[in-house]
Amino acid sequence: MRFQLILFIAIANGAFFSCTPSYTKYVSGYEHPTIAAKPDYSDQYYWAAHPDKKDPSDSVPEPLRESWQFDTTADVFFLHPTTLTDPGDQKANADVNDAALNAKTDYSTILYQASAFNHYRLFAPRYRQAHLRWYFTTDTAAAMAAFDTAYDDIAAAFRYYLDHYNHGRPIIIASHSQGSTHAQRLLREFFDGKPLQQQLVAAYVIGMYIPANRFVSLKACSDSTATGCILGWRTYKRGYLPEFVVKEGNTGIITNPLSGAPSPGPLPHTANLGSVLTKFNEVHTGLAGAEIHEGVLWIDRLHMTGGRLIKRKNFHVGDINLFYVNIQRDLNERVRQFRSSKL
């Protein structure tokens, strides 16, 4: 499946496998007394992550806590991937008041992905996400309507954020999968050739194809110190290139998260500073090396017990988790460079 929306990697007996855990234990407390047809971003309930409330994005893996520092002078706007994945659900878009879905979102992608960016003030809006099936349908008009509904919420959330929370701070855009579908549109509308581009530290648009000609002024990050630019990657096992990737003709923006640069040469697993898998409080160093190949990121075998036996070819589920600590270091360096450039 092109876009696997199970949001983290499971390990059992030394092998990776797709795992859909139960989130029912988290549902209590997610009911909301005021039900709105669409999100009201003045109400913190409609933010999956917000610096003024306690939420799973605040979590820090135990081995990283001693060195973790919170910086309130920059903001991250994070767009989560699809969690509306039940094939039996016939809704075109998510209900933002669905307590069970909100709990699933918060204790999967917000905990395991958004937390990689939590050194800074982190905002992640709930939105009427499009159902997963719209990525596969032949009904283009219906799919576009569903994605438009989702984006309308995201744009409204971003406007509210700018008007009430940003106060001129540097901005980081971060996203995965469906979130990256919308992030590209957000970057075009609000940043590309616009005054707000001057506040952009970087955009981590992960897990989706980003056409190199998608933007006018925004460019791919040329190295690990560049700012005001875009990073992105899609992760596959070395040797595997899906047919739809071949058809793209190697025309997309691609970054190696181990270097923060588009250089194609392979980097060894020792360059991987740490991965965070299903056991959130464990950090696995040196899990996988990576190289850029024809528009995607190839990883080598996983350096873990049983790693050679893992048959998975598509590592979309681990686009962020496999490179968790490298992403943090990369972002911190770009924030430092951004500040230096403004002196």
C-alpha atoms as a PDB file:
ATOM      1  CA  MET A   1       0.000   0.000   0.000  1.00  0.00           C
ATOM      2  CA  ARG A   2       1.436   3.370  -1.012  1.00  0.00           C
ATOM      3  CA  PHE A   3       0.578   5.294   2.117  1.00  0.00           C
ATOM      4  CA  GLN A   4       0.622   3.066   5.171  1.00  0.00           C
ATOM      5  CA  LEU A   5      -0.876   5.046   7.992  1.00  0.00           C
ATOM      6  CA  ILE A   6       0.024   2.860  10.931  1.00  0.00           C
ATOM      7  CA  LEU A   7       2.009   5.485  12.720  1.00  0.00           C
ATOM      8  CA  PHE A   8       4.909   3.671  14.292  1.00  0.00           C
ATOM      9  CA  ILE A   9       7.030   0.551  13.974  1.00  0.00           C
ATOM     10  CA  ALA A  10       6.523  -2.462  16.208  1.00  0.00           C
ATOM     11  CA  ILE A  11       9.209  -4.901  17.222  1.00  0.00           C
ATOM     12  CA  ALA A  12       8.496  -8.452  18.375  1.00  0.00           C
ATOM     13  CA  ASN A  13      10.970 -11.306  18.537  1.00  0.00           C
ATOM     14  CA  GLY A  14      13.439  -9.145  16.666  1.00  0.00           C
ATOM     15  CA  ALA A  15      11.188  -8.463  13.640  1.00  0.00           C
ATOM     16  CA  PHE A  16       9.147  -5.509  12.430  1.00  0.00           C
ATOM     17  CA  PHE A  17       5.451  -5.959  11.855  1.00  0.00           C
ATOM     18  CA  SER A  18       2.426  -3.733  11.353  1.00  0.00           C
ATOM     19  CA  CYS A  19       0.597  -3.233  14.605  1.00  0.00           C
ATOM     20  CA  THR A  20      -2.664  -1.445  15.360  1.00  0.00           C
ATOM     21  CA  PRO A  21      -2.902  -1.001  19.139  1.00  0.00           C
ATOM     22  CA  SER A  22      -6.041  -0.233  21.093  1.00  0.00           C
ATOM     23  CA  TYR A  23      -6.498   3.385  22.135  1.00  0.00           C
ATOM     24  CA  THR A  24      -9.682   2.819  24.139  1.00  0.00           C
ATOM     25  CA  LYS A  25      -7.885   3.335  27.450  1.00  0.00           C
ATOM     26  CA  TYR A  26      -7.145   6.927  26.416  1.00  0.00           C
ATOM     27  CA  VAL A  27     -10.668   7.899  25.320  1.00  0.00           C
ATOM     28  CA  SER A  28     -11.895   9.020  28.739  1.00  0.00           C
ATOM     29  CA  GLY A  29     -11.581  12.785  28.898  1.00  0.00           C
ATOM     30  CA  TYR A  30     -11.741  13.299  25.129  1.00  0.00           C
ATOM     31  CA  GLU A  31     -15.467  13.996  25.111  1.00  0.00           C
ATOM     32  CA  HIS A  32     -16.234  17.682  24.667  1.00  0.00           C
ATOM     33  CA  PRO A  33     -19.368  19.404  26.004  1.00  0.00           C
ATOM     34  CA  THR A  34     -19.601  21.804  23.043  1.00  0.00           C
ATOM     35  CA  ILE A  35     -19.897  20.070  19.686  1.00  0.00           C
ATOM     36  CA  ALA A  36     -18.871  22.071  16.628  1.00  0.00           C
ATOM     37  CA  ALA A  37     -19.331  21.004  13.004  1.00  0.00           C
ATOM     38  CA  LYS A  38     -15.868  22.322  12.245  1.00  0.00           C
ATOM     39  CA  PRO A  39     -13.004  23.208  14.565  1.00  0.00           C
ATOM     40  CA  ASP A  40     -13.064  26.403  16.609  1.00  0.00           C
ATOM     41  CA  TYR A  41      -9.383  27.151  17.083  1.00  0.00           C
ATOM     42  CA  SER A  42     -10.024  29.554  19.940  1.00  0.00           C
ATOM     43  CA  ASP A  43     -10.876  26.371  21.886  1.00  0.00           C
ATOM     44  CA  GLN A  44      -7.778  24.365  22.835  1.00  0.00           C
ATOM     45  CA  TYR A  45      -9.760  21.149  22.462  1.00  0.00           C
ATOM     46  CA  TYR A  46      -9.315  21.546  18.720  1.00  0.00           C
ATOM     47  CA  TRP A  47      -5.541  21.520  19.042  1.00  0.00           C
ATOM     48  CA  ALA A  48      -3.961  18.077  19.339  1.00  0.00           C
ATOM     49  CA  ALA A  49      -0.830  19.847  20.554  1.00  0.00           C
ATOM     50  CA  HIS A  50      -0.618  23.313  22.043  1.00  0.00           C
ATOM     51  CA  PRO A  51       2.053  24.903  24.256  1.00  0.00           C
ATOM     52  CA  ASP A  52      -0.569  26.088  26.742  1.00  0.00           C
ATOM     53  CA  LYS A  53      -1.880  22.618  27.538  1.00  0.00           C
ATOM     54  CA  LYS A  54      -0.397  19.273  28.499  1.00  0.00           C
ATOM     55  CA  ASP A  55      -0.561  16.784  25.634  1.00  0.00           C
ATOM     56  CA  PRO A  56       1.416  13.770  24.346  1.00  0.00           C
ATOM     57  CA  SER A  57       3.688  15.951  22.192  1.00  0.00           C
ATOM     58  CA  ASP A  58       5.297  17.151  25.424  1.00  0.00           C
ATOM     59  CA  SER A  59       6.766  13.686  26.019  1.00  0.00           C
ATOM     60  CA  VAL A  60      10.528  13.146  25.872  1.00  0.00           C
ATOM     61  CA  PRO A  61      12.078   9.658  25.624  1.00  0.00           C
ATOM     62  CA  GLU A  62      13.830   8.894  28.890  1.00  0.00           C
ATOM     63  CA  PRO A  63      17.384   8.630  27.475  1.00  0.00           C
ATOM     64  CA  LEU A  64      17.021  12.118  25.955  1.00  0.00           C
ATOM     65  CA  ARG A  65      15.608  13.936  28.974  1.00  0.00           C
ATOM     66  CA  GLU A  66      18.882  15.010  30.541  1.00  0.00           C
ATOM     67  CA  SER A  67      19.938  16.978  27.453  1.00  0.00           C
ATOM     68  CA  TRP A  68      16.463  18.200  26.464  1.00  0.00           C
ATOM     69  CA  GLN A  69      15.951  21.961  26.543  1.00  0.00           C
ATOM     70  CA  PHE A  70      12.797  23.900  25.749  1.00  0.00           C
ATOM     71  CA  ASP A  71      13.096  27.025  23.637  1.00  0.00           C
ATOM     72  CA  THR A  72      10.095  29.341  23.618  1.00  0.00           C
ATOM     73  CA  THR A  73      11.465  31.668  20.953  1.00  0.00           C
ATOM     74  CA  ALA A  74      10.513  29.555  17.918  1.00  0.00           C
ATOM     75  CA  ASP A  75       7.326  27.746  16.876  1.00  0.00           C
ATOM     76  CA  VAL A  76       6.563  24.444  15.156  1.00  0.00           C
ATOM     77  CA  PHE A  77       3.304  24.029  13.229  1.00  0.00           C
ATOM     78  CA  PHE A  78       2.810  20.272  12.850  1.00  0.00           C
ATOM     79  CA  LEU A  79       0.313  18.602  10.503  1.00  0.00           C
ATOM     80  CA  HIS A  80      -0.412  15.008  11.444  1.00  0.00           C
ATOM     81  CA  PRO A  81      -0.943  12.137   8.970  1.00  0.00           C
ATOM     82  CA  THR A  82      -4.148  10.220   8.354  1.00  0.00           C
ATOM     83  CA  THR A  83      -5.570   8.407  11.351  1.00  0.00           C
ATOM     84  CA  LEU A  84      -9.026   7.958   9.765  1.00  0.00           C
ATOM     85  CA  THR A  85      -8.140   4.584   8.292  1.00  0.00           C
ATOM     86  CA  ASP A  86     -10.987   2.192   9.155  1.00  0.00           C
ATOM     87  CA  PRO A  87     -12.081   0.684   5.797  1.00  0.00           C
ATOM     88  CA  GLY A  88     -15.608   0.274   7.163  1.00  0.00           C
ATOM     89  CA  ASP A  89     -15.961   3.975   7.917  1.00  0.00           C
ATOM     90  CA  GLN A  90     -17.851   5.615   5.064  1.00  0.00           C
ATOM     91  CA  LYS A  91     -17.301   9.236   6.146  1.00  0.00           C
ATOM     92  CA  ALA A  92     -15.484  11.392   3.617  1.00  0.00           C
ATOM     93  CA  ASN A  93     -13.813  13.384   6.381  1.00  0.00           C
ATOM     94  CA  ALA A  94     -13.161  12.930  10.068  1.00  0.00           C
ATOM     95  CA  ASP A  95     -15.450  14.250  12.773  1.00  0.00           C
ATOM     96  CA  VAL A  96     -13.243  16.553  14.866  1.00  0.00           C
ATOM     97  CA  ASN A  97     -15.396  15.712  17.910  1.00  0.00           C
ATOM     98  CA  ASP A  98     -14.770  11.960  17.617  1.00  0.00           C
ATOM     99  CA  ALA A  99     -13.231  11.174  21.003  1.00  0.00           C
ATOM    100  CA  ALA A 100     -11.872   7.781  19.975  1.00  0.00           C
ATOM    101  CA  LEU A 101     -10.233   9.133  16.813  1.00  0.00           C
ATOM    102  CA  ASN A 102      -8.737  12.084  18.682  1.00  0.00           C
ATOM    103  CA  ALA A 103      -7.269   9.736  21.290  1.00  0.00           C
ATOM    104  CA  LYS A 104      -5.836   7.569  18.506  1.00  0.00           C
ATOM    105  CA  THR A 105      -4.280  10.621  16.859  1.00  0.00           C
ATOM    106  CA  ASP A 106      -2.775  11.954  20.077  1.00  0.00           C
ATOM    107  CA  TYR A 107      -1.293   8.677  21.290  1.00  0.00           C
ATOM    108  CA  SER A 108       0.121   7.671  17.923  1.00  0.00           C
ATOM    109  CA  THR A 109       1.361  10.449  15.659  1.00  0.00           C
ATOM    110  CA  ILE A 110       1.355  13.288  18.206  1.00  0.00           C
ATOM    111  CA  LEU A 111       3.277  11.194  20.736  1.00  0.00           C
ATOM    112  CA  TYR A 112       5.639   9.383  18.376  1.00  0.00           C
ATOM    113  CA  GLN A 113       6.138  11.950  15.608  1.00  0.00           C
ATOM    114  CA  ALA A 114       5.306  15.476  16.776  1.00  0.00           C
ATOM    115  CA  SER A 115       7.407  14.963  19.906  1.00  0.00           C
ATOM    116  CA  ALA A 116      10.528  14.906  17.723  1.00  0.00           C
ATOM    117  CA  PHE A 117       9.981  18.659  17.284  1.00  0.00           C
ATOM    118  CA  ASN A 118       9.074  19.542  20.874  1.00  0.00           C
ATOM    119  CA  HIS A 119      12.200  21.519  21.717  1.00  0.00           C
ATOM    120  CA  TYR A 120      10.121  24.451  20.487  1.00  0.00           C
ATOM    121  CA  ARG A 121       6.558  25.677  21.005  1.00  0.00           C
ATOM    122  CA  LEU A 122       4.483  23.104  19.161  1.00  0.00           C
ATOM    123  CA  PHE A 123       1.056  23.604  17.593  1.00  0.00           C
ATOM    124  CA  ALA A 124      -0.824  20.742  15.912  1.00  0.00           C
ATOM    125  CA  PRO A 125      -4.412  21.442  14.863  1.00  0.00           C
ATOM    126  CA  ARG A 126      -7.133  18.842  14.750  1.00  0.00           C
ATOM    127  CA  TYR A 127      -8.701  18.960  11.325  1.00  0.00           C
ATOM    128  CA  ARG A 128     -11.362  17.205   9.300  1.00  0.00           C
ATOM    129  CA  GLN A 129      -8.812  14.904   7.716  1.00  0.00           C
ATOM    130  CA  ALA A 130      -9.721  13.072   4.530  1.00  0.00           C
ATOM    131  CA  HIS A 131     -10.307   9.336   4.860  1.00  0.00           C
ATOM    132  CA  LEU A 132      -7.393   7.174   3.720  1.00  0.00           C
ATOM    133  CA  ARG A 133      -9.409   5.725   0.829  1.00  0.00           C
ATOM    134  CA  TRP A 134      -9.325   9.058  -1.030  1.00  0.00           C
ATOM    135  CA  TYR A 135      -5.693   8.386  -1.908  1.00  0.00           C
ATOM    136  CA  PHE A 136      -6.779   5.370  -3.946  1.00  0.00           C
ATOM    137  CA  THR A 137     -10.122   6.271  -5.493  1.00  0.00           C
ATOM    138  CA  THR A 138     -10.803   6.985  -9.167  1.00  0.00           C
ATOM    139  CA  ASP A 139     -13.450   9.529  -8.092  1.00  0.00           C
ATOM    140  CA  THR A 140     -11.143  12.512  -8.394  1.00  0.00           C
ATOM    141  CA  ALA A 141     -13.800  15.148  -7.741  1.00  0.00           C
ATOM    142  CA  ALA A 142     -14.920  13.548  -4.476  1.00  0.00           C
ATOM    143  CA  ALA A 143     -11.329  13.084  -3.361  1.00  0.00           C
ATOM    144  CA  MET A 144     -10.467  16.711  -4.072  1.00  0.00           C
ATOM    145  CA  ALA A 145     -13.548  17.852  -2.137  1.00  0.00           C
ATOM    146  CA  ALA A 146     -12.460  15.781   0.868  1.00  0.00           C
ATOM    147  CA  PHE A 147      -8.925  17.148   0.769  1.00  0.00           C
ATOM    148  CA  ASP A 148     -10.240  20.697   0.316  1.00  0.00           C
ATOM    149  CA  THR A 149     -12.347  20.310   3.460  1.00  0.00           C
ATOM    150  CA  ALA A 150      -9.286  19.143   5.390  1.00  0.00           C
ATOM    151  CA  TYR A 151      -7.132  21.967   4.069  1.00  0.00           C
ATOM    152  CA  ASP A 152      -9.768  24.601   4.858  1.00  0.00           C
ATOM    153  CA  ASP A 153      -9.421  23.653   8.531  1.00  0.00           C
ATOM    154  CA  ILE A 154      -5.631  23.727   8.395  1.00  0.00           C
ATOM    155  CA  ALA A 155      -5.584  27.145   6.752  1.00  0.00           C
ATOM    156  CA  ALA A 156      -8.051  28.441   9.364  1.00  0.00           C
ATOM    157  CA  ALA A 157      -5.887  27.018  12.159  1.00  0.00           C
ATOM    158  CA  PHE A 158      -2.768  28.620  10.718  1.00  0.00           C
ATOM    159  CA  ARG A 159      -4.460  32.009  10.384  1.00  0.00           C
ATOM    160  CA  TYR A 160      -5.628  31.760  13.996  1.00  0.00           C
ATOM    161  CA  TYR A 161      -2.113  30.789  15.050  1.00  0.00           C
ATOM    162  CA  LEU A 162      -0.610  33.779  13.216  1.00  0.00           C
ATOM    163  CA  ASP A 163      -3.144  36.196  14.660  1.00  0.00           C
ATOM    164  CA  HIS A 164      -3.039  34.998  18.277  1.00  0.00           C
ATOM    165  CA  TYR A 165       0.147  33.050  19.033  1.00  0.00           C
ATOM    166  CA  ASN A 166       3.071  33.691  16.713  1.00  0.00           C
ATOM    167  CA  HIS A 167       3.983  37.294  17.581  1.00  0.00           C
ATOM    168  CA  GLY A 168       6.793  37.362  15.027  1.00  0.00           C
ATOM    169  CA  ARG A 169       8.583  34.170  16.125  1.00  0.00           C
ATOM    170  CA  PRO A 170      10.507  32.030  13.622  1.00  0.00           C
ATOM    171  CA  ILE A 171       8.300  29.245  12.205  1.00  0.00           C
ATOM    172  CA  ILE A 172       9.038  25.601  11.464  1.00  0.00           C
ATOM    173  CA  ILE A 173       6.527  23.651   9.384  1.00  0.00           C
ATOM    174  CA  ALA A 174       6.571  19.892  10.048  1.00  0.00           C
ATOM    175  CA  SER A 175       4.304  17.218   8.604  1.00  0.00           C
ATOM    176  CA  HIS A 176       3.922  13.610   7.606  1.00  0.00           C
ATOM    177  CA  SER A 177       1.885  11.808   4.916  1.00  0.00           C
ATOM    178  CA  GLN A 178      -1.552  13.457   4.540  1.00  0.00           C
ATOM    179  CA  GLY A 179      -0.162  16.268   6.659  1.00  0.00           C
ATOM    180  CA  SER A 180       2.486  16.761   3.982  1.00  0.00           C
ATOM    181  CA  THR A 181      -0.153  16.872   1.244  1.00  0.00           C
ATOM    182  CA  HIS A 182      -1.613  19.876   3.056  1.00  0.00           C
ATOM    183  CA  ALA A 183       1.751  21.346   4.097  1.00  0.00           C
ATOM    184  CA  GLN A 184       2.713  21.873   0.467  1.00  0.00           C
ATOM    185  CA  ARG A 185      -0.468  23.820  -0.118  1.00  0.00           C
ATOM    186  CA  LEU A 186       0.052  25.804   3.100  1.00  0.00           C
ATOM    187  CA  LEU A 187       3.592  26.716   2.079  1.00  0.00           C
ATOM    188  CA  ARG A 188       2.401  27.940  -1.316  1.00  0.00           C
ATOM    189  CA  GLU A 189      -0.422  30.019   0.123  1.00  0.00           C
ATOM    190  CA  PHE A 190       1.349  31.610   3.072  1.00  0.00           C
ATOM    191  CA  PHE A 191       5.125  31.465   2.472  1.00  0.00           C
ATOM    192  CA  ASP A 192       6.205  31.054  -1.151  1.00  0.00           C
ATOM    193  CA  GLY A 193       7.281  34.526  -2.270  1.00  0.00           C
ATOM    194  CA  LYS A 194       5.283  36.075   0.591  1.00  0.00           C
ATOM    195  CA  PRO A 195       6.590  38.233   3.472  1.00  0.00           C
ATOM    196  CA  LEU A 196       6.115  35.302   5.873  1.00  0.00           C
ATOM    197  CA  GLN A 197       8.870  33.424   4.037  1.00  0.00           C
ATOM    198  CA  GLN A 198      11.306  35.566   6.019  1.00  0.00           C
ATOM    199  CA  GLN A 199      10.133  33.849   9.223  1.00  0.00           C
ATOM    200  CA  LEU A 200      10.505  30.308   7.893  1.00  0.00           C
ATOM    201  CA  VAL A 201      13.340  28.367   9.522  1.00  0.00           C
ATOM    202  CA  ALA A 202      12.627  25.217   7.504  1.00  0.00           C
ATOM    203  CA  ALA A 203       9.786  22.967   6.359  1.00  0.00           C
ATOM    204  CA  TYR A 204      10.025  19.236   7.111  1.00  0.00           C
ATOM    205  CA  VAL A 205       7.551  17.896   4.536  1.00  0.00           C
ATOM    206  CA  ILE A 206       7.995  14.180   5.115  1.00  0.00           C
ATOM    207  CA  GLY A 207       6.489  11.098   3.504  1.00  0.00           C
ATOM    208  CA  MET A 208       5.128  12.576   0.275  1.00  0.00           C
ATOM    209  CA  TYR A 209       6.410  13.389  -3.200  1.00  0.00           C
ATOM    210  CA  ILE A 210       7.368  17.077  -3.442  1.00  0.00           C
ATOM    211  CA  PRO A 211       7.728  18.158  -7.082  1.00  0.00           C
ATOM    212  CA  ALA A 212      10.841  20.265  -7.538  1.00  0.00           C
ATOM    213  CA  ASN A 213       8.753  22.850  -9.429  1.00  0.00           C
ATOM    214  CA  ARG A 214       6.039  22.998  -6.739  1.00  0.00           C
ATOM    215  CA  PHE A 215       7.228  26.382  -5.504  1.00  0.00           C
ATOM    216  CA  VAL A 216       8.508  29.622  -6.984  1.00  0.00           C
ATOM    217  CA  SER A 217      10.742  30.994  -4.238  1.00  0.00           C
ATOM    218  CA  LEU A 218      11.039  28.123  -1.785  1.00  0.00           C
ATOM    219  CA  LYS A 219      13.852  25.708  -2.539  1.00  0.00           C
ATOM    220  CA  ALA A 220      15.189  22.426  -1.232  1.00  0.00           C
ATOM    221  CA  CYS A 221      17.691  22.719   1.615  1.00  0.00           C
ATOM    222  CA  SER A 222      21.125  22.570   0.023  1.00  0.00           C
ATOM    223  CA  ASP A 223      22.925  21.468   3.175  1.00  0.00           C
ATOM    224  CA  SER A 224      22.513  21.043   6.930  1.00  0.00           C
ATOM    225  CA  THR A 225      22.905  24.756   7.655  1.00  0.00           C
ATOM    226  CA  ALA A 226      20.480  26.162   5.067  1.00  0.00           C
ATOM    227  CA  THR A 227      17.336  27.917   6.283  1.00  0.00           C
ATOM    228  CA  GLY A 228      14.096  29.090   4.721  1.00  0.00           C
ATOM    229  CA  CYS A 229      14.051  25.855   2.735  1.00  0.00           C
ATOM    230  CA  ILE A 230      12.336  22.469   2.408  1.00  0.00           C
ATOM    231  CA  LEU A 231      13.371  18.968   3.488  1.00  0.00           C
ATOM    232  CA  GLY A 232      11.564  15.771   2.608  1.00  0.00           C
ATOM    233  CA  TRP A 233      12.037  12.044   2.160  1.00  0.00           C
ATOM    234  CA  ARG A 234      10.203   8.743   1.680  1.00  0.00           C
ATOM    235  CA  THR A 235      11.818   5.644   3.143  1.00  0.00           C
ATOM    236  CA  TYR A 236      12.196   2.263   1.442  1.00  0.00           C
ATOM    237  CA  LYS A 237      14.434  -0.764   1.756  1.00  0.00           C
ATOM    238  CA  ARG A 238      17.534  -0.620  -0.439  1.00  0.00           C
ATOM    239  CA  GLY A 239      16.812  -2.163  -3.822  1.00  0.00           C
ATOM    240  CA  TYR A 240      13.080  -1.378  -3.811  1.00  0.00           C
ATOM    241  CA  LEU A 241      11.629   1.304  -6.063  1.00  0.00           C
ATOM    242  CA  PRO A 242       7.819   1.354  -6.425  1.00  0.00           C
ATOM    243  CA  GLU A 243       6.404   1.773  -9.907  1.00  0.00           C
ATOM    244  CA  PHE A 244       4.799   5.119  -9.091  1.00  0.00           C
ATOM    245  CA  VAL A 245       8.205   6.434  -7.972  1.00  0.00           C
ATOM    246  CA  VAL A 246       9.775   5.360 -11.257  1.00  0.00           C
ATOM    247  CA  LYS A 247       7.058   7.317 -13.094  1.00  0.00           C
ATOM    248  CA  GLU A 248       7.990  10.474 -11.157  1.00  0.00           C
ATOM    249  CA  GLY A 249      11.281  10.493 -13.020  1.00  0.00           C
ATOM    250  CA  ASN A 250      13.424  11.517 -10.047  1.00  0.00           C
ATOM    251  CA  THR A 251      11.950  15.025 -10.121  1.00  0.00           C
ATOM    252  CA  GLY A 252      11.159  15.573  -6.454  1.00  0.00           C
ATOM    253  CA  ILE A 253      12.813  17.224  -3.469  1.00  0.00           C
ATOM    254  CA  ILE A 254      14.720  14.624  -1.455  1.00  0.00           C
ATOM    255  CA  THR A 255      16.878  14.927   1.667  1.00  0.00           C
ATOM    256  CA  ASN A 256      18.963  12.408   3.575  1.00  0.00           C
ATOM    257  CA  PRO A 257      17.906  12.964   7.216  1.00  0.00           C
ATOM    258  CA  LEU A 258      21.238  11.587   8.412  1.00  0.00           C
ATOM    259  CA  SER A 259      23.060  14.519   6.795  1.00  0.00           C
ATOM    260  CA  GLY A 260      20.353  17.135   6.279  1.00  0.00           C
ATOM    261  CA  ALA A 261      21.499  17.423   2.673  1.00  0.00           C
ATOM    262  CA  PRO A 262      20.478  16.094  -0.769  1.00  0.00           C
ATOM    263  CA  SER A 263      23.832  14.364  -1.323  1.00  0.00           C
ATOM    264  CA  PRO A 264      23.200  10.884  -2.768  1.00  0.00           C
ATOM    265  CA  GLY A 265      26.120   9.032  -1.208  1.00  0.00           C
ATOM    266  CA  PRO A 266      25.306   6.381   1.388  1.00  0.00           C
ATOM    267  CA  LEU A 267      25.769   7.162   5.076  1.00  0.00           C
ATOM    268  CA  PRO A 268      26.480   4.265   7.453  1.00  0.00           C
ATOM    269  CA  HIS A 269      24.225   3.176  10.277  1.00  0.00           C
ATOM    270  CA  THR A 270      26.685   4.742  12.728  1.00  0.00           C
ATOM    271  CA  ALA A 271      25.518   8.163  11.477  1.00  0.00           C
ATOM    272  CA  ASN A 272      22.037   7.414  12.823  1.00  0.00           C
ATOM    273  CA  LEU A 273      21.947   9.096  16.242  1.00  0.00           C
ATOM    274  CA  GLY A 274      18.789   7.439  17.462  1.00  0.00           C
ATOM    275  CA  SER A 275      15.455   5.887  16.503  1.00  0.00           C
ATOM    276  CA  VAL A 276      12.328   5.823  18.662  1.00  0.00           C
ATOM    277  CA  LEU A 277      10.064   2.833  18.025  1.00  0.00           C
ATOM    278  CA  THR A 278       6.998   1.529  19.881  1.00  0.00           C
ATOM    279  CA  LYS A 279       8.709   1.568  23.261  1.00  0.00           C
ATOM    280  CA  PHE A 280       8.816   5.335  23.486  1.00  0.00           C
ATOM    281  CA  ASN A 281      11.337   5.444  26.315  1.00  0.00           C
ATOM    282  CA  GLU A 282      13.944   3.454  24.399  1.00  0.00           C
ATOM    283  CA  VAL A 283      16.283   5.084  21.885  1.00  0.00           C
ATOM    284  CA  HIS A 284      18.035   2.760  19.406  1.00  0.00           C
ATOM    285  CA  THR A 285      21.311   4.203  18.110  1.00  0.00           C
ATOM    286  CA  GLY A 286      22.838   3.125  14.817  1.00  0.00           C
ATOM    287  CA  LEU A 287      19.693   1.355  13.650  1.00  0.00           C
ATOM    288  CA  ALA A 288      19.918   2.101   9.925  1.00  0.00           C
ATOM    289  CA  GLY A 289      22.119   3.831   7.402  1.00  0.00           C
ATOM    290  CA  ALA A 290      20.562   5.689   4.479  1.00  0.00           C
ATOM    291  CA  GLU A 291      21.210   6.906   0.954  1.00  0.00           C
ATOM    292  CA  ILE A 292      19.270   8.829  -1.668  1.00  0.00           C
ATOM    293  CA  HIS A 293      18.364   6.864  -4.785  1.00  0.00           C
ATOM    294  CA  GLU A 294      16.211   8.149  -7.670  1.00  0.00           C
ATOM    295  CA  GLY A 295      13.930  10.341  -5.597  1.00  0.00           C
ATOM    296  CA  VAL A 296      13.552   8.248  -2.442  1.00  0.00           C
ATOM    297  CA  LEU A 297      15.531   7.332   0.634  1.00  0.00           C
ATOM    298  CA  TRP A 298      16.917   3.822   0.792  1.00  0.00           C
ATOM    299  CA  ILE A 299      17.870   2.340   4.135  1.00  0.00           C
ATOM    300  CA  ASP A 300      20.190  -0.589   4.585  1.00  0.00           C
ATOM    301  CA  ARG A 301      19.454  -3.572   6.763  1.00  0.00           C
ATOM    302  CA  LEU A 302      18.373  -2.756  10.293  1.00  0.00           C
ATOM    303  CA  HIS A 303      21.186  -3.253  12.756  1.00  0.00           C
ATOM    304  CA  MET A 304      19.260  -5.132  15.380  1.00  0.00           C
ATOM    305  CA  THR A 305      18.660  -8.715  16.354  1.00  0.00           C
ATOM    306  CA  GLY A 306      16.897 -10.381  13.424  1.00  0.00           C
ATOM    307  CA  GLY A 307      17.366  -7.338  11.197  1.00  0.00           C
ATOM    308  CA  ARG A 308      18.373  -9.437   8.197  1.00  0.00           C
ATOM    309  CA  LEU A 309      15.069 -11.311   8.382  1.00  0.00           C
ATOM    310  CA  ILE A 310      12.843  -8.247   8.071  1.00  0.00           C
ATOM    311  CA  LYS A 311      11.004  -8.378   4.746  1.00  0.00           C
ATOM    312  CA  ARG A 312       9.322  -4.977   4.840  1.00  0.00           C
ATOM    313  CA  LYS A 313      10.079  -2.885   1.752  1.00  0.00           C
ATOM    314  CA  ASN A 314       8.065   0.249   2.480  1.00  0.00           C
ATOM    315  CA  PHE A 315       9.141   2.082   5.654  1.00  0.00           C
ATOM    316  CA  HIS A 316       6.680   4.960   5.349  1.00  0.00           C
ATOM    317  CA  VAL A 317       5.555   4.138   8.879  1.00  0.00           C
ATOM    318  CA  GLY A 318       9.036   5.002  10.144  1.00  0.00           C
ATOM    319  CA  ASP A 319       9.842   8.113   8.108  1.00  0.00           C
ATOM    320  CA  ILE A 320      10.202  10.147  11.308  1.00  0.00           C
ATOM    321  CA  ASN A 321      10.799   7.489  13.965  1.00  0.00           C
ATOM    322  CA  LEU A 322      13.801   5.925  12.247  1.00  0.00           C
ATOM    323  CA  PHE A 323      15.604   9.288  12.265  1.00  0.00           C
ATOM    324  CA  TYR A 324      14.131  10.814  15.437  1.00  0.00           C
ATOM    325  CA  VAL A 325      17.320  12.157  17.037  1.00  0.00           C
ATOM    326  CA  ASN A 326      18.882  13.259  13.730  1.00  0.00           C
ATOM    327  CA  ILE A 327      15.761  15.315  13.045  1.00  0.00           C
ATOM    328  CA  GLN A 328      16.094  17.002  16.422  1.00  0.00           C
ATOM    329  CA  ARG A 329      19.768  17.826  15.868  1.00  0.00           C
ATOM    330  CA  ASP A 330      19.058  19.042  12.343  1.00  0.00           C
ATOM    331  CA  LEU A 331      16.300  21.359  13.512  1.00  0.00           C
ATOM    332  CA  ASN A 332      18.356  22.787  16.362  1.00  0.00           C
ATOM    333  CA  GLU A 333      21.190  23.593  13.953  1.00  0.00           C
ATOM    334  CA  ARG A 334      18.847  25.299  11.489  1.00  0.00           C
ATOM    335  CA  VAL A 335      17.284  27.388  14.249  1.00  0.00           C
ATOM    336  CA  ARG A 336      20.785  28.438  15.343  1.00  0.00           C
ATOM    337  CA  GLN A 337      21.735  29.350  11.782  1.00  0.00           C
ATOM    338  CA  PHE A 338      18.454  31.220  11.265  1.00  0.00           C
ATOM    339  CA  ARG A 339      19.129  33.353  14.326  1.00  0.00           C
ATOM    340  CA  SER A 340      22.699  34.023  13.242  1.00  0.00           C
ATOM    341  CA  SER A 341      21.487  35.202   9.843  1.00  0.00           C
ATOM    342  CA  LYS A 342      19.194  37.749  11.480  1.00  0.00           C
ATOM    343  CA  LEU A 343      21.917  39.375  13.607  1.00  0.00           C
END
